[in-house]
Amino acid sequence: MLNSRITQYYLQSLLAHHERGVFLVLFLDNQHRVIRHQEMFAGTISSVVVHPREIVLTALKENAAAIILAYNHPSSKDEPSHADCLITKQVVNACLLLGTRVLDHLVIGRGE
């Protein structure tokens, strides 16, 4: 089972060094063990276009019971933007239809 502090450090190690926006998903089993992680989308220094459909398709392929969403903010801000909140709602709603839980959406700033 994932510990929130360990998950935060793990995601920081995967995302903090990127100079452009990257949207990553952790795919988890029923006991919230990591099946795998995947960088799903990449963008610019200020934005990433995220397609909830692709996240749902990959969750189905991986037989994931739950997922954790993570996005880096290359500008160092670790606060979610309005767009971050909207895309999280879209992914949560899409996953609800399939019985896949979205456990969290973390925003990773450089060193934050």
PDB file of N, CA and C in Angstrom:
ATOM      1  N   MET A   1       0.840  -1.177   0.000  1.00  0.00           N
ATOM      2  CA  MET A   1       0.000   0.000   0.000  1.00  0.00           C
ATOM      3  C   MET A   1       0.889   1.247   0.000  1.00  0.00           C
ATOM      4  N   LEU A   2       0.488   2.233  -0.744  1.00  0.00           N
ATOM      5  CA  LEU A   2       1.291   3.440  -0.874  1.00  0.00           C
ATOM      6  C   LEU A   2       1.196   4.323   0.362  1.00  0.00           C
ATOM      7  N   ASN A   3       2.322   4.838   0.762  1.00  0.00           N
ATOM      8  CA  ASN A   3       2.405   5.840   1.812  1.00  0.00           C
ATOM      9  C   ASN A   3       2.438   7.191   1.112  1.00  0.00           C
ATOM     10  N   SER A   4       1.660   8.166   1.601  1.00  0.00           N
ATOM     11  CA  SER A   4       1.558   9.446   0.888  1.00  0.00           C
ATOM     12  C   SER A   4       2.891  10.182   0.793  1.00  0.00           C
ATOM     13  N   ARG A   5       3.717  10.119   1.819  1.00  0.00           N
ATOM     14  CA  ARG A   5       5.019  10.800   1.802  1.00  0.00           C
ATOM     15  C   ARG A   5       5.957  10.114   0.795  1.00  0.00           C
ATOM     16  N   ILE A   6       5.955   8.793   0.793  1.00  0.00           N
ATOM     17  CA  ILE A   6       6.792   8.047  -0.162  1.00  0.00           C
ATOM     18  C   ILE A   6       6.328   8.327  -1.589  1.00  0.00           C
ATOM     19  N   THR A   7       5.019   8.366  -1.781  1.00  0.00           N
ATOM     20  CA  THR A   7       4.470   8.669  -3.108  1.00  0.00           C
ATOM     21  C   THR A   7       4.905  10.049  -3.566  1.00  0.00           C
ATOM     22  N   GLN A   8       4.852  11.009  -2.671  1.00  0.00           N
ATOM     23  CA  GLN A   8       5.280  12.376  -3.008  1.00  0.00           C
ATOM     24  C   GLN A   8       6.744  12.400  -3.434  1.00  0.00           C
ATOM     25  N   TYR A   9       7.614  11.753  -2.672  1.00  0.00           N
ATOM     26  CA  TYR A   9       9.046  11.722  -3.013  1.00  0.00           C
ATOM     27  C   TYR A   9       9.279  10.999  -4.340  1.00  0.00           C
ATOM     28  N   TYR A  10       8.560   9.919  -4.534  1.00  0.00           N
ATOM     29  CA  TYR A  10       8.687   9.142  -5.772  1.00  0.00           C
ATOM     30  C   TYR A  10       8.314  10.008  -6.972  1.00  0.00           C
ATOM     31  N   LEU A  11       7.181  10.692  -6.875  1.00  0.00           N
ATOM     32  CA  LEU A  11       6.732  11.532  -7.983  1.00  0.00           C
ATOM     33  C   LEU A  11       7.650  12.731  -8.187  1.00  0.00           C
ATOM     34  N   GLN A  12       8.172  13.301  -7.106  1.00  0.00           N
ATOM     35  CA  GLN A  12       9.145  14.387  -7.240  1.00  0.00           C
ATOM     36  C   GLN A  12      10.378  13.901  -7.998  1.00  0.00           C
ATOM     37  N   SER A  13      10.833  12.689  -7.688  1.00  0.00           N
ATOM     38  CA  SER A  13      12.028  12.175  -8.365  1.00  0.00           C
ATOM     39  C   SER A  13      11.769  11.937  -9.848  1.00  0.00           C
ATOM     40  N   LEU A  14      10.534  11.630 -10.207  1.00  0.00           N
ATOM     41  CA  LEU A  14      10.194  11.393 -11.608  1.00  0.00           C
ATOM     42  C   LEU A  14       9.931  12.683 -12.385  1.00  0.00           C
ATOM     43  N   LEU A  15       9.433  13.718 -11.717  1.00  0.00           N
ATOM     44  CA  LEU A  15       8.932  14.889 -12.448  1.00  0.00           C
ATOM     45  C   LEU A  15       9.670  16.197 -12.223  1.00  0.00           C
ATOM     46  N   ALA A  16      10.309  16.376 -11.088  1.00  0.00           N
ATOM     47  CA  ALA A  16      10.864  17.688 -10.742  1.00  0.00           C
ATOM     48  C   ALA A  16      11.945  18.167 -11.709  1.00  0.00           C
ATOM     49  N   HIS A  17      12.648  17.267 -12.357  1.00  0.00           N
ATOM     50  CA  HIS A  17      13.763  17.664 -13.230  1.00  0.00           C
ATOM     51  C   HIS A  17      13.322  18.080 -14.636  1.00  0.00           C
ATOM     52  N   HIS A  18      12.081  17.817 -15.002  1.00  0.00           N
ATOM     53  CA  HIS A  18      11.609  18.157 -16.347  1.00  0.00           C
ATOM     54  C   HIS A  18      11.504  19.670 -16.517  1.00  0.00           C
ATOM     55  N   GLU A  19      11.935  20.144 -17.660  1.00  0.00           N
ATOM     56  CA  GLU A  19      11.850  21.574 -17.939  1.00  0.00           C
ATOM     57  C   GLU A  19      10.562  21.948 -18.662  1.00  0.00           C
ATOM     58  N   ARG A  20       9.814  20.959 -19.065  1.00  0.00           N
ATOM     59  CA  ARG A  20       8.520  21.171 -19.705  1.00  0.00           C
ATOM     60  C   ARG A  20       7.466  20.392 -18.918  1.00  0.00           C
ATOM     61  N   GLY A  21       6.214  20.766 -19.110  1.00  0.00           N
ATOM     62  CA  GLY A  21       5.137  20.101 -18.393  1.00  0.00           C
ATOM     63  C   GLY A  21       5.003  18.641 -18.790  1.00  0.00           C
ATOM     64  N   VAL A  22       4.856  17.776 -17.787  1.00  0.00           N
ATOM     65  CA  VAL A  22       4.648  16.340 -18.002  1.00  0.00           C
ATOM     66  C   VAL A  22       3.505  15.897 -17.096  1.00  0.00           C
ATOM     67  N   PHE A  23       2.586  15.124 -17.659  1.00  0.00           N
ATOM     68  CA  PHE A  23       1.458  14.572 -16.911  1.00  0.00           C
ATOM     69  C   PHE A  23       1.682  13.074 -16.804  1.00  0.00           C
ATOM     70  N   LEU A  24       1.782  12.595 -15.581  1.00  0.00           N
ATOM     71  CA  LEU A  24       2.126  11.203 -15.306  1.00  0.00           C
ATOM     72  C   LEU A  24       0.989  10.546 -14.537  1.00  0.00           C
ATOM     73  N   VAL A  25       0.814   9.253 -14.756  1.00  0.00           N
ATOM     74  CA  VAL A  25      -0.208   8.502 -14.034  1.00  0.00           C
ATOM     75  C   VAL A  25       0.438   7.276 -13.397  1.00  0.00           C
ATOM     76  N   LEU A  26       0.132   7.063 -12.107  1.00  0.00           N
ATOM     77  CA  LEU A  26       0.489   5.820 -11.422  1.00  0.00           C
ATOM     78  C   LEU A  26      -0.727   4.911 -11.503  1.00  0.00           C
ATOM     79  N   PHE A  27      -0.535   3.710 -12.015  1.00  0.00           N
ATOM     80  CA  PHE A  27      -1.606   2.726 -12.109  1.00  0.00           C
ATOM     81  C   PHE A  27      -1.428   1.734 -10.963  1.00  0.00           C
ATOM     82  N   LEU A  28      -2.494   1.537 -10.183  1.00  0.00           N
ATOM     83  CA  LEU A  28      -2.419   0.777  -8.943  1.00  0.00           C
ATOM     84  C   LEU A  28      -3.374  -0.416  -8.962  1.00  0.00           C
ATOM     85  N   ASP A  29      -3.000  -1.460  -8.215  1.00  0.00           N
ATOM     86  CA  ASP A  29      -3.874  -2.624  -8.078  1.00  0.00           C
ATOM     87  C   ASP A  29      -4.856  -2.406  -6.922  1.00  0.00           C
ATOM     88  N   ASN A  30      -5.593  -3.453  -6.549  1.00  0.00           N
ATOM     89  CA  ASN A  30      -6.597  -3.341  -5.479  1.00  0.00           C
ATOM     90  C   ASN A  30      -6.015  -2.973  -4.127  1.00  0.00           C
ATOM     91  N   GLN A  31      -4.770  -3.353  -3.873  1.00  0.00           N
ATOM     92  CA  GLN A  31      -4.120  -3.016  -2.610  1.00  0.00           C
ATOM     93  C   GLN A  31      -3.295  -1.736  -2.717  1.00  0.00           C
ATOM     94  N   HIS A  32      -3.502  -1.009  -3.804  1.00  0.00           N
ATOM     95  CA  HIS A  32      -2.832   0.269  -4.072  1.00  0.00           C
ATOM     96  C   HIS A  32      -1.324   0.103  -4.212  1.00  0.00           C
ATOM     97  N   ARG A  33      -0.921  -1.033  -4.742  1.00  0.00           N
ATOM     98  CA  ARG A  33       0.484  -1.241  -5.108  1.00  0.00           C
ATOM     99  C   ARG A  33       0.644  -0.784  -6.551  1.00  0.00           C
ATOM    100  N   VAL A  34       1.790  -0.212  -6.838  1.00  0.00           N
ATOM    101  CA  VAL A  34       2.034   0.314  -8.181  1.00  0.00           C
ATOM    102  C   VAL A  34       2.174  -0.833  -9.174  1.00  0.00           C
ATOM    103  N   ILE A  35       1.342  -0.803 -10.197  1.00  0.00           N
ATOM    104  CA  ILE A  35       1.478  -1.718 -11.331  1.00  0.00           C
ATOM    105  C   ILE A  35       2.577  -1.168 -12.231  1.00  0.00           C
ATOM    106  N   ARG A  36       2.453   0.115 -12.533  1.00  0.00           N
ATOM    107  CA  ARG A  36       3.478   0.839 -13.294  1.00  0.00           C
ATOM    108  C   ARG A  36       3.136   2.312 -13.311  1.00  0.00           C
ATOM    109  N   HIS A  37       4.101   3.116 -13.728  1.00  0.00           N
ATOM    110  CA  HIS A  37       3.832   4.536 -13.959  1.00  0.00           C
ATOM    111  C   HIS A  37       4.061   4.809 -15.432  1.00  0.00           C
ATOM    112  N   GLN A  38       3.383   5.821 -15.928  1.00  0.00           N
ATOM    113  CA  GLN A  38       3.554   6.182 -17.329  1.00  0.00           C
ATOM    114  C   GLN A  38       3.424   7.682 -17.492  1.00  0.00           C
ATOM    115  N   GLU A  39       4.380   8.276 -18.180  1.00  0.00           N
ATOM    116  CA  GLU A  39       4.262   9.671 -18.596  1.00  0.00           C
ATOM    117  C   GLU A  39       3.291   9.671 -19.767  1.00  0.00           C
ATOM    118  N   MET A  40       2.096  10.161 -19.514  1.00  0.00           N
ATOM    119  CA  MET A  40       1.018  10.075 -20.504  1.00  0.00           C
ATOM    120  C   MET A  40       1.048  11.217 -21.517  1.00  0.00           C
ATOM    121  N   PHE A  41       1.380  12.425 -21.039  1.00  0.00           N
ATOM    122  CA  PHE A  41       1.336  13.595 -21.911  1.00  0.00           C
ATOM    123  C   PHE A  41       2.491  14.531 -21.579  1.00  0.00           C
ATOM    124  N   ALA A  42       2.998  15.213 -22.599  1.00  0.00           N
ATOM    125  CA  ALA A  42       4.058  16.206 -22.403  1.00  0.00           C
ATOM    126  C   ALA A  42       3.636  17.478 -23.117  1.00  0.00           C
ATOM    127  N   GLY A  43       4.133  18.599 -22.623  1.00  0.00           N
ATOM    128  CA  GLY A  43       3.713  19.869 -23.202  1.00  0.00           C
ATOM    129  C   GLY A  43       4.818  20.889 -23.224  1.00  0.00           C
ATOM    130  N   THR A  44       4.446  22.109 -22.917  1.00  0.00           N
ATOM    131  CA  THR A  44       5.366  23.239 -22.953  1.00  0.00           C
ATOM    132  C   THR A  44       5.736  23.621 -21.521  1.00  0.00           C
ATOM    133  N   ILE A  45       6.398  24.741 -21.378  1.00  0.00           N
ATOM    134  CA  ILE A  45       6.742  25.206 -20.036  1.00  0.00           C
ATOM    135  C   ILE A  45       5.520  25.694 -19.271  1.00  0.00           C
ATOM    136  N   SER A  46       4.410  25.935 -19.978  1.00  0.00           N
ATOM    137  CA  SER A  46       3.238  26.480 -19.299  1.00  0.00           C
ATOM    138  C   SER A  46       1.971  25.626 -19.379  1.00  0.00           C
ATOM    139  N   SER A  47       1.968  24.591 -20.201  1.00  0.00           N
ATOM    140  CA  SER A  47       0.738  23.797 -20.294  1.00  0.00           C
ATOM    141  C   SER A  47       0.990  22.417 -20.894  1.00  0.00           C
ATOM    142  N   VAL A  48       0.047  21.524 -20.596  1.00  0.00           N
ATOM    143  CA  VAL A  48       0.021  20.177 -21.161  1.00  0.00           C
ATOM    144  C   VAL A  48      -1.421  19.876 -21.524  1.00  0.00           C
ATOM    145  N   VAL A  49      -1.636  19.357 -22.716  1.00  0.00           N
ATOM    146  CA  VAL A  49      -2.980  18.942 -23.116  1.00  0.00           C
ATOM    147  C   VAL A  49      -3.173  17.501 -22.648  1.00  0.00           C
ATOM    148  N   VAL A  50      -4.204  17.289 -21.844  1.00  0.00           N
ATOM    149  CA  VAL A  50      -4.479  15.983 -21.252  1.00  0.00           C
ATOM    150  C   VAL A  50      -5.774  15.438 -21.847  1.00  0.00           C
ATOM    151  N   HIS A  51      -5.759  14.169 -22.229  1.00  0.00           N
ATOM    152  CA  HIS A  51      -6.925  13.508 -22.804  1.00  0.00           C
ATOM    153  C   HIS A  51      -7.404  12.419 -21.835  1.00  0.00           C
ATOM    154  N   PRO A  52      -8.484  12.687 -21.086  1.00  0.00           N
ATOM    155  CA  PRO A  52      -8.982  11.691 -20.132  1.00  0.00           C
ATOM    156  C   PRO A  52      -9.221  10.317 -20.760  1.00  0.00           C
ATOM    157  N   ARG A  53      -9.648  10.295 -21.998  1.00  0.00           N
ATOM    158  CA  ARG A  53      -9.904   9.026 -22.693  1.00  0.00           C
ATOM    159  C   ARG A  53      -8.665   8.138 -22.705  1.00  0.00           C
ATOM    160  N   GLU A  54      -7.508   8.727 -22.955  1.00  0.00           N
ATOM    161  CA  GLU A  54      -6.266   7.947 -22.997  1.00  0.00           C
ATOM    162  C   GLU A  54      -5.907   7.387 -21.625  1.00  0.00           C
ATOM    163  N   ILE A  55      -6.181   8.166 -20.586  1.00  0.00           N
ATOM    164  CA  ILE A  55      -5.913   7.692 -19.224  1.00  0.00           C
ATOM    165  C   ILE A  55      -6.809   6.507 -18.902  1.00  0.00           C
ATOM    166  N   VAL A  56      -8.090   6.629 -19.243  1.00  0.00           N
ATOM    167  CA  VAL A  56      -9.043   5.552 -18.982  1.00  0.00           C
ATOM    168  C   VAL A  56      -8.678   4.295 -19.770  1.00  0.00           C
ATOM    169  N   LEU A  57      -8.326   4.459 -21.030  1.00  0.00           N
ATOM    170  CA  LEU A  57      -7.936   3.294 -21.852  1.00  0.00           C
ATOM    171  C   LEU A  57      -6.728   2.575 -21.255  1.00  0.00           C
ATOM    172  N   THR A  58      -5.748   3.331 -20.815  1.00  0.00           N
ATOM    173  CA  THR A  58      -4.551   2.717 -20.233  1.00  0.00           C
ATOM    174  C   THR A  58      -4.880   2.046 -18.906  1.00  0.00           C
ATOM    175  N   ALA A  59      -5.738   2.662 -18.098  1.00  0.00           N
ATOM    176  CA  ALA A  59      -6.157   2.046 -16.834  1.00  0.00           C
ATOM    177  C   ALA A  59      -6.846   0.709 -17.088  1.00  0.00           C
ATOM    178  N   LEU A  60      -7.672   0.649 -18.123  1.00  0.00           N
ATOM    179  CA  LEU A  60      -8.334  -0.608 -18.477  1.00  0.00           C
ATOM    180  C   LEU A  60      -7.323  -1.660 -18.929  1.00  0.00           C
ATOM    181  N   LYS A  61      -6.382  -1.256 -19.782  1.00  0.00           N
ATOM    182  CA  LYS A  61      -5.357  -2.192 -20.260  1.00  0.00           C
ATOM    183  C   LYS A  61      -4.515  -2.740 -19.123  1.00  0.00           C
ATOM    184  N   GLU A  62      -4.223  -1.903 -18.132  1.00  0.00           N
ATOM    185  CA  GLU A  62      -3.396  -2.299 -16.994  1.00  0.00           C
ATOM    186  C   GLU A  62      -4.207  -3.004 -15.905  1.00  0.00           C
ATOM    187  N   ASN A  63      -5.533  -3.051 -16.086  1.00  0.00           N
ATOM    188  CA  ASN A  63      -6.434  -3.618 -15.078  1.00  0.00           C
ATOM    189  C   ASN A  63      -6.250  -2.919 -13.735  1.00  0.00           C
ATOM    190  N   ALA A  64      -6.125  -1.610 -13.778  1.00  0.00           N
ATOM    191  CA  ALA A  64      -5.873  -0.809 -12.578  1.00  0.00           C
ATOM    192  C   ALA A  64      -7.172  -0.597 -11.804  1.00  0.00           C
ATOM    193  N   ALA A  65      -7.104  -0.793 -10.496  1.00  0.00           N
ATOM    194  CA  ALA A  65      -8.247  -0.536  -9.622  1.00  0.00           C
ATOM    195  C   ALA A  65      -8.291   0.928  -9.212  1.00  0.00           C
ATOM    196  N   ALA A  66      -7.129   1.572  -9.245  1.00  0.00           N
ATOM    197  CA  ALA A  66      -7.030   2.976  -8.838  1.00  0.00           C
ATOM    198  C   ALA A  66      -5.872   3.626  -9.583  1.00  0.00           C
ATOM    199  N   ILE A  67      -5.898   4.953  -9.609  1.00  0.00           N
ATOM    200  CA  ILE A  67      -4.801   5.696 -10.225  1.00  0.00           C
ATOM    201  C   ILE A  67      -4.490   6.929  -9.383  1.00  0.00           C
ATOM    202  N   ILE A  68      -3.272   7.416  -9.564  1.00  0.00           N
ATOM    203  CA  ILE A  68      -2.862   8.707  -9.003  1.00  0.00           C
ATOM    204  C   ILE A  68      -2.340   9.534 -10.163  1.00  0.00           C
ATOM    205  N   LEU A  69      -2.827  10.755 -10.260  1.00  0.00           N
ATOM    206  CA  LEU A  69      -2.422  11.672 -11.312  1.00  0.00           C
ATOM    207  C   LEU A  69      -1.346  12.597 -10.764  1.00  0.00           C
ATOM    208  N   ALA A  70      -0.377  12.924 -11.603  1.00  0.00           N
ATOM    209  CA  ALA A  70       0.670  13.856 -11.182  1.00  0.00           C
ATOM    210  C   ALA A  70       1.080  14.704 -12.375  1.00  0.00           C
ATOM    211  N   TYR A  71       1.325  15.970 -12.088  1.00  0.00           N
ATOM    212  CA  TYR A  71       1.725  16.920 -13.119  1.00  0.00           C
ATOM    213  C   TYR A  71       2.789  17.828 -12.538  1.00  0.00           C
ATOM    214  N   ASN A  72       3.813  18.097 -13.307  1.00  0.00           N
ATOM    215  CA  ASN A  72       4.832  19.025 -12.827  1.00  0.00           C
ATOM    216  C   ASN A  72       4.528  20.437 -13.319  1.00  0.00           C
ATOM    217  N   HIS A  73       4.893  21.389 -12.511  1.00  0.00           N
ATOM    218  CA  HIS A  73       4.839  22.798 -12.885  1.00  0.00           C
ATOM    219  C   HIS A  73       6.289  23.264 -12.998  1.00  0.00           C
ATOM    220  N   PRO A  74       6.823  23.345 -14.207  1.00  0.00           N
ATOM    221  CA  PRO A  74       8.215  23.760 -14.372  1.00  0.00           C
ATOM    222  C   PRO A  74       8.509  25.143 -13.800  1.00  0.00           C
ATOM    223  N   SER A  75       7.472  25.950 -13.594  1.00  0.00           N
ATOM    224  CA  SER A  75       7.665  27.296 -13.056  1.00  0.00           C
ATOM    225  C   SER A  75       7.944  27.286 -11.560  1.00  0.00           C
ATOM    226  N   SER A  76       7.950  26.128 -10.944  1.00  0.00           N
ATOM    227  CA  SER A  76       8.219  25.915  -9.518  1.00  0.00           C
ATOM    228  C   SER A  76       6.987  26.033  -8.635  1.00  0.00           C
ATOM    229  N   LYS A  77       5.883  26.535  -9.128  1.00  0.00           N
ATOM    230  CA  LYS A  77       4.680  26.634  -8.302  1.00  0.00           C
ATOM    231  C   LYS A  77       4.086  25.244  -8.110  1.00  0.00           C
ATOM    232  N   ASP A  78       3.757  24.934  -6.855  1.00  0.00           N
ATOM    233  CA  ASP A  78       3.172  23.626  -6.593  1.00  0.00           C
ATOM    234  C   ASP A  78       1.680  23.706  -6.300  1.00  0.00           C
ATOM    235  N   GLU A  79       1.075  24.829  -6.645  1.00  0.00           N
ATOM    236  CA  GLU A  79      -0.363  25.008  -6.468  1.00  0.00           C
ATOM    237  C   GLU A  79      -1.082  24.593  -7.758  1.00  0.00           C
ATOM    238  N   PRO A  80      -2.186  23.849  -7.646  1.00  0.00           N
ATOM    239  CA  PRO A  80      -2.921  23.474  -8.859  1.00  0.00           C
ATOM    240  C   PRO A  80      -3.588  24.695  -9.492  1.00  0.00           C
ATOM    241  N   SER A  81      -3.547  24.756 -10.797  1.00  0.00           N
ATOM    242  CA  SER A  81      -4.218  25.829 -11.530  1.00  0.00           C
ATOM    243  C   SER A  81      -5.694  25.466 -11.703  1.00  0.00           C
ATOM    244  N   HIS A  82      -6.449  26.413 -12.189  1.00  0.00           N
ATOM    245  CA  HIS A  82      -7.863  26.149 -12.492  1.00  0.00           C
ATOM    246  C   HIS A  82      -7.972  25.020 -13.526  1.00  0.00           C
ATOM    247  N   ALA A  83      -7.103  25.039 -14.536  1.00  0.00           N
ATOM    248  CA  ALA A  83      -7.104  23.993 -15.563  1.00  0.00           C
ATOM    249  C   ALA A  83      -6.768  22.632 -14.954  1.00  0.00           C
ATOM    250  N   ASP A  84      -5.840  22.585 -13.994  1.00  0.00           N
ATOM    251  CA  ASP A  84      -5.505  21.327 -13.306  1.00  0.00           C
ATOM    252  C   ASP A  84      -6.742  20.763 -12.617  1.00  0.00           C
ATOM    253  N   CYS A  85      -7.478  21.614 -11.943  1.00  0.00           N
ATOM    254  CA  CYS A  85      -8.689  21.180 -11.226  1.00  0.00           C
ATOM    255  C   CYS A  85      -9.760  20.677 -12.190  1.00  0.00           C
ATOM    256  N   LEU A  86      -9.917  21.351 -13.312  1.00  0.00           N
ATOM    257  CA  LEU A  86     -10.908  20.921 -14.302  1.00  0.00           C
ATOM    258  C   LEU A  86     -10.564  19.558 -14.895  1.00  0.00           C
ATOM    259  N   ILE A  87      -9.315  19.369 -15.254  1.00  0.00           N
ATOM    260  CA  ILE A  87      -8.941  18.088 -15.862  1.00  0.00           C
ATOM    261  C   ILE A  87      -9.049  16.958 -14.840  1.00  0.00           C
ATOM    262  N   THR A  88      -8.748  17.253 -13.589  1.00  0.00           N
ATOM    263  CA  THR A  88      -8.907  16.231 -12.548  1.00  0.00           C
ATOM    264  C   THR A  88     -10.367  15.803 -12.454  1.00  0.00           C
ATOM    265  N   LYS A  89     -11.283  16.757 -12.468  1.00  0.00           N
ATOM    266  CA  LYS A  89     -12.714  16.427 -12.420  1.00  0.00           C
ATOM    267  C   LYS A  89     -13.123  15.572 -13.611  1.00  0.00           C
ATOM    268  N   GLN A  90     -12.609  15.910 -14.787  1.00  0.00           N
ATOM    269  CA  GLN A  90     -12.949  15.137 -15.989  1.00  0.00           C
ATOM    270  C   GLN A  90     -12.442  13.705 -15.879  1.00  0.00           C
ATOM    271  N   VAL A  91     -11.221  13.537 -15.405  1.00  0.00           N
ATOM    272  CA  VAL A  91     -10.654  12.187 -15.270  1.00  0.00           C
ATOM    273  C   VAL A  91     -11.407  11.401 -14.200  1.00  0.00           C
ATOM    274  N   VAL A  92     -11.699  12.051 -13.076  1.00  0.00           N
ATOM    275  CA  VAL A  92     -12.459  11.381 -12.001  1.00  0.00           C
ATOM    276  C   VAL A  92     -13.805  10.900 -12.535  1.00  0.00           C
ATOM    277  N   ASN A  93     -14.515  11.749 -13.247  1.00  0.00           N
ATOM    278  CA  ASN A  93     -15.827  11.374 -13.785  1.00  0.00           C
ATOM    279  C   ASN A  93     -15.730  10.236 -14.789  1.00  0.00           C
ATOM    280  N   ALA A  94     -14.728  10.271 -15.654  1.00  0.00           N
ATOM    281  CA  ALA A  94     -14.542   9.191 -16.633  1.00  0.00           C
ATOM    282  C   ALA A  94     -14.213   7.877 -15.931  1.00  0.00           C
ATOM    283  N   CYS A  95     -13.374   7.940 -14.911  1.00  0.00           N
ATOM    284  CA  CYS A  95     -12.977   6.724 -14.198  1.00  0.00           C
ATOM    285  C   CYS A  95     -14.117   6.147 -13.364  1.00  0.00           C
ATOM    286  N   LEU A  96     -14.980   7.008 -12.845  1.00  0.00           N
ATOM    287  CA  LEU A  96     -16.125   6.540 -12.049  1.00  0.00           C
ATOM    288  C   LEU A  96     -16.987   5.557 -12.830  1.00  0.00           C
ATOM    289  N   LEU A  97     -17.166   5.827 -14.104  1.00  0.00           N
ATOM    290  CA  LEU A  97     -17.981   4.955 -14.943  1.00  0.00           C
ATOM    291  C   LEU A  97     -17.406   3.549 -15.040  1.00  0.00           C
ATOM    292  N   LEU A  98     -16.100   3.425 -14.851  1.00  0.00           N
ATOM    293  CA  LEU A  98     -15.430   2.132 -14.992  1.00  0.00           C
ATOM    294  C   LEU A  98     -15.096   1.476 -13.661  1.00  0.00           C
ATOM    295  N   GLY A  99     -15.381   2.172 -12.566  1.00  0.00           N
ATOM    296  CA  GLY A  99     -15.047   1.609 -11.260  1.00  0.00           C
ATOM    297  C   GLY A  99     -13.587   1.768 -10.887  1.00  0.00           C
ATOM    298  N   THR A 100     -12.887   2.674 -11.539  1.00  0.00           N
ATOM    299  CA  THR A 100     -11.487   2.954 -11.212  1.00  0.00           C
ATOM    300  C   THR A 100     -11.453   4.219 -10.367  1.00  0.00           C
ATOM    301  N   ARG A 101     -10.809   4.137  -9.209  1.00  0.00           N
ATOM    302  CA  ARG A 101     -10.761   5.292  -8.307  1.00  0.00           C
ATOM    303  C   ARG A 101      -9.556   6.178  -8.611  1.00  0.00           C
ATOM    304  N   VAL A 102      -9.761   7.476  -8.586  1.00  0.00           N
ATOM    305  CA  VAL A 102      -8.664   8.436  -8.656  1.00  0.00           C
ATOM    306  C   VAL A 102      -8.366   8.822  -7.210  1.00  0.00           C
ATOM    307  N   LEU A 103      -7.206   8.387  -6.702  1.00  0.00           N
ATOM    308  CA  LEU A 103      -6.884   8.600  -5.302  1.00  0.00           C
ATOM    309  C   LEU A 103      -6.347   9.988  -5.014  1.00  0.00           C
ATOM    310  N   ASP A 104      -5.648  10.573  -5.976  1.00  0.00           N
ATOM    311  CA  ASP A 104      -5.056  11.885  -5.739  1.00  0.00           C
ATOM    312  C   ASP A 104      -4.587  12.472  -7.048  1.00  0.00           C
ATOM    313  N   HIS A 105      -4.370  13.786  -7.044  1.00  0.00           N
ATOM    314  CA  HIS A 105      -3.734  14.496  -8.158  1.00  0.00           C
ATOM    315  C   HIS A 105      -2.725  15.438  -7.532  1.00  0.00           C
ATOM    316  N   LEU A 106      -1.454  15.124  -7.733  1.00  0.00           N
ATOM    317  CA  LEU A 106      -0.394  15.924  -7.141  1.00  0.00           C
ATOM    318  C   LEU A 106       0.243  16.842  -8.172  1.00  0.00           C
ATOM    319  N   VAL A 107       0.545  18.045  -7.746  1.00  0.00           N
ATOM    320  CA  VAL A 107       1.257  19.009  -8.574  1.00  0.00           C
ATOM    321  C   VAL A 107       2.660  19.136  -7.994  1.00  0.00           C
ATOM    322  N   ILE A 108       3.647  18.880  -8.825  1.00  0.00           N
ATOM    323  CA  ILE A 108       5.041  18.882  -8.395  1.00  0.00           C
ATOM    324  C   ILE A 108       5.733  20.114  -8.966  1.00  0.00           C
ATOM    325  N   GLY A 109       6.217  20.967  -8.085  1.00  0.00           N
ATOM    326  CA  GLY A 109       7.053  22.096  -8.495  1.00  0.00           C
ATOM    327  C   GLY A 109       8.512  21.710  -8.347  1.00  0.00           C
ATOM    328  N   ARG A 110       9.396  22.508  -8.831  1.00  0.00           N
ATOM    329  CA  ARG A 110      10.833  22.213  -8.669  1.00  0.00           C
ATOM    330  C   ARG A 110      11.194  22.319  -7.202  1.00  0.00           C
ATOM    331  N   GLY A 111      11.483  21.193  -6.594  1.00  0.00           N
ATOM    332  CA  GLY A 111      11.886  21.174  -5.198  1.00  0.00           C
ATOM    333  C   GLY A 111      10.742  21.370  -4.210  1.00  0.00           C
ATOM    334  N   GLU A 112       9.494  21.381  -4.723  1.00  0.00           N
ATOM    335  CA  GLU A 112       8.331  21.580  -3.832  1.00  0.00           C
ATOM    336  C   GLU A 112       7.382  20.414  -3.964  1.00  0.00           C
TER     337      GLU A 112
END
